[in-house]
């Protein structure tokens, strides 16, 4: 196709919609970037985006190219982009033209990968869900995460938390602020995680610098608190004994659930902001695996499922959990996408 044709209207609308979303979540730079990109795109990257075959709202191609540009800025091989990126203030339009003129080969592969933020601040929300199950069962936990990326949220029991009016929970050097509101769980509930495991289609080894950079690139560049927190959590994960396995979620989970479960231990599946990226067959497979395992659950070998996922309401994620035996499902409230707040309901 001709490289001087603007993006189709629907594709441009996706970038503008994402810009509004970034503004809502406090990233003025990312909003400005997404508004500038439709006019600045050129070459094979623009051609790929102009003919994107899937649903932009699900595949998030705007996020993919933004992550590629962030990686390029951090890499330093395009001085114009590095100068325009926070904390710099170089001219953005000129920087984007230079990036698409000279670095197509660097940027194109970023369009092949779905977003992978592994936002560790979501641990402030996931902690609450896990504490609800811990309080109900009084048992130590085997924690299983799908879409685990670098496994940062698998370490949720070790972090330090400022939970607003709910109080604090002391831990390691990873500090997470999550404003708990409403009928929150008791943050002082004893929590003992005896085993952990995670899988991801493209797992990140937190001890590998190149992989760490790939993960950091997905974080909006003007949100320095998120960047610093991610670096601290990656350091903690690098020192941890667990690593995330490379696997497709449904098949991996079925195998994990088939393993013997010690009496007196609660087995918990956890995931956050990843369900939308799964094909329907994978969602069905996960649901079937959990239903089958739930049917086998007993009072001394219970099964839990905690989730923080989208439900069509744009400004926040829904919080839910299910506990077997019995399969009781609770709607636990809502939370900000990046984990900054949680509105709990009893």
Foldseek 3Di string as FASTA:
>chain_A
DDFQDFAPPQLLVLLQVVLVLCVVVPQPPSSVVSNLPRNQAGDPLRVCSSPPPDDCVLQVLSLLLQLLLLLVLVVCPQVQSVQVFPPHNHDPSVSSNSCNVPPCVSRVVSSVDGAQQLQLLCLLVVVQVVLVVCVVQVFAEEEEEESCAFVLSVCSVAEWEQQAPLGIDDHDPQYHYADEAAPTHNSPRDYHHDHYAYAYQDHAHLVDPVSLSSNLSSDRRVPVVSSVNSNVSSVVSNPDPYGYHNDQPLVVLLVVLPDDADFRYEYEYEYEACVSNDDPVSVVSNVVSVVVSQVVADSRYKYKYWYWYCDPDSQWTWTKMFIDPVGDIDGFFIAGRSNRYTYGDD
